[in-house]
Amino acid sequence: MLDSDPRNLYQRKFRTRPSEITAIRFMGGLNLGAVMTFLGDQFEAMQENSETMQMRVVFRNPHKHADFLIANEGDWIIRGLENEFYPCVNSVFERKYEEIQS
């Protein structure tokens, strides 16, 4: 049953809650092994984009409806709060996240 809060019928503004994520930036052949390790059994394939001649990583995300997700060279791959993976372009990543010391 859906929440009956009448506010849910309209567009509202939200702010992201503070949370920590783990991410790796895909730098093509320079760190493909590290990306494969990070993705574990969700890694599907490495492909070369014939138009740009850049590498891209194809991976699965069982938490998403899409069968496969793609991270291009320079994109970040994020492990989210529920251990799901998703790609994020660098320009968005830099605006949304800041590195923390662990």
C-alpha atoms as a PDB file:
ATOM      1  CA  MET A   1       0.000   0.000   0.000  1.00  0.00           C
ATOM      2  CA  LEU A   2       1.311   3.425  -0.918  1.00  0.00           C
ATOM      3  CA  ASP A   3       1.839   6.134   1.644  1.00  0.00           C
ATOM      4  CA  SER A   4      -1.315   8.284   1.798  1.00  0.00           C
ATOM      5  CA  ASP A   5       0.555  11.508   2.607  1.00  0.00           C
ATOM      6  CA  PRO A   6      -1.074  14.123   0.299  1.00  0.00           C
ATOM      7  CA  ARG A   7       2.299  15.871  -0.145  1.00  0.00           C
ATOM      8  CA  ASN A   8       3.397  12.880  -2.255  1.00  0.00           C
ATOM      9  CA  LEU A   9       1.076  14.043  -5.010  1.00  0.00           C
ATOM     10  CA  TYR A  10       3.268  17.053  -5.741  1.00  0.00           C
ATOM     11  CA  GLN A  11       6.843  17.855  -6.622  1.00  0.00           C
ATOM     12  CA  ARG A  12       8.994  18.781  -3.601  1.00  0.00           C
ATOM     13  CA  LYS A  13      12.644  19.659  -2.999  1.00  0.00           C
ATOM     14  CA  PHE A  14      15.021  17.395  -1.079  1.00  0.00           C
ATOM     15  CA  ARG A  15      18.594  17.507   0.141  1.00  0.00           C
ATOM     16  CA  THR A  16      20.814  14.419   0.173  1.00  0.00           C
ATOM     17  CA  ARG A  17      21.423  13.065   3.664  1.00  0.00           C
ATOM     18  CA  PRO A  18      25.048  12.712   4.673  1.00  0.00           C
ATOM     19  CA  SER A  19      26.242   9.204   3.877  1.00  0.00           C
ATOM     20  CA  GLU A  20      29.431   7.486   2.825  1.00  0.00           C
ATOM     21  CA  ILE A  21      29.905   5.656  -0.452  1.00  0.00           C
ATOM     22  CA  THR A  22      32.824   3.815  -1.991  1.00  0.00           C
ATOM     23  CA  ALA A  23      33.827   4.628  -5.550  1.00  0.00           C
ATOM     24  CA  ILE A  24      36.523   4.041  -8.134  1.00  0.00           C
ATOM     25  CA  ARG A  25      37.210   6.098 -11.231  1.00  0.00           C
ATOM     26  CA  PHE A  26      37.562   4.000 -14.381  1.00  0.00           C
ATOM     27  CA  MET A  27      40.762   5.079 -16.120  1.00  0.00           C
ATOM     28  CA  GLY A  28      40.729   2.544 -18.954  1.00  0.00           C
ATOM     29  CA  GLY A  29      43.586   0.066 -19.100  1.00  0.00           C
ATOM     30  CA  LEU A  30      45.390   1.849 -16.271  1.00  0.00           C
ATOM     31  CA  ASN A  31      43.109   0.385 -13.611  1.00  0.00           C
ATOM     32  CA  LEU A  32      40.909  -2.193 -15.326  1.00  0.00           C
ATOM     33  CA  GLY A  33      42.067  -4.892 -12.888  1.00  0.00           C
ATOM     34  CA  ALA A  34      41.182  -2.742  -9.879  1.00  0.00           C
ATOM     35  CA  VAL A  35      37.752  -1.967 -11.389  1.00  0.00           C
ATOM     36  CA  MET A  36      37.116  -5.672 -12.018  1.00  0.00           C
ATOM     37  CA  THR A  37      38.046  -6.445  -8.407  1.00  0.00           C
ATOM     38  CA  PHE A  38      35.807  -3.616  -7.143  1.00  0.00           C
ATOM     39  CA  LEU A  39      32.815  -4.899  -9.144  1.00  0.00           C
ATOM     40  CA  GLY A  40      33.435  -8.565  -8.295  1.00  0.00           C
ATOM     41  CA  ASP A  41      30.861 -10.884  -9.827  1.00  0.00           C
ATOM     42  CA  GLN A  42      28.898  -7.910 -11.163  1.00  0.00           C
ATOM     43  CA  PHE A  43      31.592  -7.269 -13.794  1.00  0.00           C
ATOM     44  CA  GLU A  44      30.336  -8.378 -17.196  1.00  0.00           C
ATOM     45  CA  ALA A  45      32.713  -7.182 -19.914  1.00  0.00           C
ATOM     46  CA  MET A  46      35.157  -4.595 -21.134  1.00  0.00           C
ATOM     47  CA  GLN A  47      34.400  -3.052 -24.514  1.00  0.00           C
ATOM     48  CA  GLU A  48      36.020  -0.513 -26.779  1.00  0.00           C
ATOM     49  CA  ASN A  49      33.765   2.222 -28.096  1.00  0.00           C
ATOM     50  CA  SER A  50      34.398   2.158 -31.852  1.00  0.00           C
ATOM     51  CA  GLU A  51      33.477   5.838 -32.218  1.00  0.00           C
ATOM     52  CA  THR A  52      35.656   7.290 -29.473  1.00  0.00           C
ATOM     53  CA  MET A  53      38.247   4.496 -29.218  1.00  0.00           C
ATOM     54  CA  GLN A  54      37.789   4.626 -25.450  1.00  0.00           C
ATOM     55  CA  MET A  55      37.223   1.640 -23.205  1.00  0.00           C
ATOM     56  CA  ARG A  56      34.052   1.104 -21.261  1.00  0.00           C
ATOM     57  CA  VAL A  57      33.069  -1.340 -18.564  1.00  0.00           C
ATOM     58  CA  VAL A  58      29.769  -3.207 -18.672  1.00  0.00           C
ATOM     59  CA  PHE A  59      28.417  -4.426 -15.340  1.00  0.00           C
ATOM     60  CA  ARG A  60      25.253  -5.777 -13.784  1.00  0.00           C
ATOM     61  CA  ASN A  61      23.275  -4.257 -10.987  1.00  0.00           C
ATOM     62  CA  PRO A  62      20.698  -6.611  -9.506  1.00  0.00           C
ATOM     63  CA  HIS A  63      19.057  -3.706  -7.650  1.00  0.00           C
ATOM     64  CA  LYS A  64      18.246  -1.798 -10.841  1.00  0.00           C
ATOM     65  CA  HIS A  65      15.743  -2.583 -13.569  1.00  0.00           C
ATOM     66  CA  ALA A  66      18.346  -2.164 -16.303  1.00  0.00           C
ATOM     67  CA  ASP A  67      20.066  -5.396 -17.298  1.00  0.00           C
ATOM     68  CA  PHE A  68      23.466  -3.790 -17.721  1.00  0.00           C
ATOM     69  CA  LEU A  69      25.084  -0.482 -16.844  1.00  0.00           C
ATOM     70  CA  ILE A  70      28.035   1.127 -18.597  1.00  0.00           C
ATOM     71  CA  ALA A  71      30.880   3.244 -17.245  1.00  0.00           C
ATOM     72  CA  ASN A  72      33.018   5.017 -19.820  1.00  0.00           C
ATOM     73  CA  GLU A  73      36.631   6.033 -19.304  1.00  0.00           C
ATOM     74  CA  GLY A  74      36.695   8.879 -16.795  1.00  0.00           C
ATOM     75  CA  ASP A  75      33.397   7.881 -15.172  1.00  0.00           C
ATOM     76  CA  TRP A  76      33.147   6.841 -11.558  1.00  0.00           C
ATOM     77  CA  ILE A  77      31.618   3.550 -10.452  1.00  0.00           C
ATOM     78  CA  ILE A  78      29.865   3.942  -7.121  1.00  0.00           C
ATOM     79  CA  ARG A  79      28.960   1.262  -4.592  1.00  0.00           C
ATOM     80  CA  GLY A  80      25.833   2.627  -2.944  1.00  0.00           C
ATOM     81  CA  LEU A  81      24.249   2.212   0.449  1.00  0.00           C
ATOM     82  CA  GLU A  82      22.805  -1.221  -0.385  1.00  0.00           C
ATOM     83  CA  ASN A  83      25.977  -2.486  -2.124  1.00  0.00           C
ATOM     84  CA  GLU A  84      24.485  -1.645  -5.522  1.00  0.00           C
ATOM     85  CA  PHE A  85      26.732  -0.322  -8.276  1.00  0.00           C
ATOM     86  CA  TYR A  86      26.006   2.520 -10.648  1.00  0.00           C
ATOM     87  CA  PRO A  87      28.035   4.791 -12.941  1.00  0.00           C
ATOM     88  CA  CYS A  88      28.414   8.538 -12.473  1.00  0.00           C
ATOM     89  CA  VAL A  89      30.013  10.991 -14.902  1.00  0.00           C
ATOM     90  CA  ASN A  90      32.946  12.893 -13.435  1.00  0.00           C
ATOM     91  CA  SER A  91      31.321  16.344 -13.628  1.00  0.00           C
ATOM     92  CA  VAL A  92      28.377  15.201 -11.476  1.00  0.00           C
ATOM     93  CA  PHE A  93      30.594  13.197  -9.130  1.00  0.00           C
ATOM     94  CA  GLU A  94      32.804  16.216  -8.416  1.00  0.00           C
ATOM     95  CA  ARG A  95      29.780  18.385  -7.565  1.00  0.00           C
ATOM     96  CA  LYS A  96      28.105  15.799  -5.372  1.00  0.00           C
ATOM     97  CA  TYR A  97      30.913  14.044  -3.470  1.00  0.00           C
ATOM     98  CA  GLU A  98      34.025  14.972  -1.560  1.00  0.00           C
ATOM     99  CA  GLU A  99      36.730  12.544  -0.520  1.00  0.00           C
ATOM    100  CA  ILE A 100      36.976  11.628   3.154  1.00  0.00           C
ATOM    101  CA  GLN A 101      39.960  10.219   4.987  1.00  0.00           C
ATOM    102  CA  SER A 102      39.428   6.664   6.179  1.00  0.00           C
END
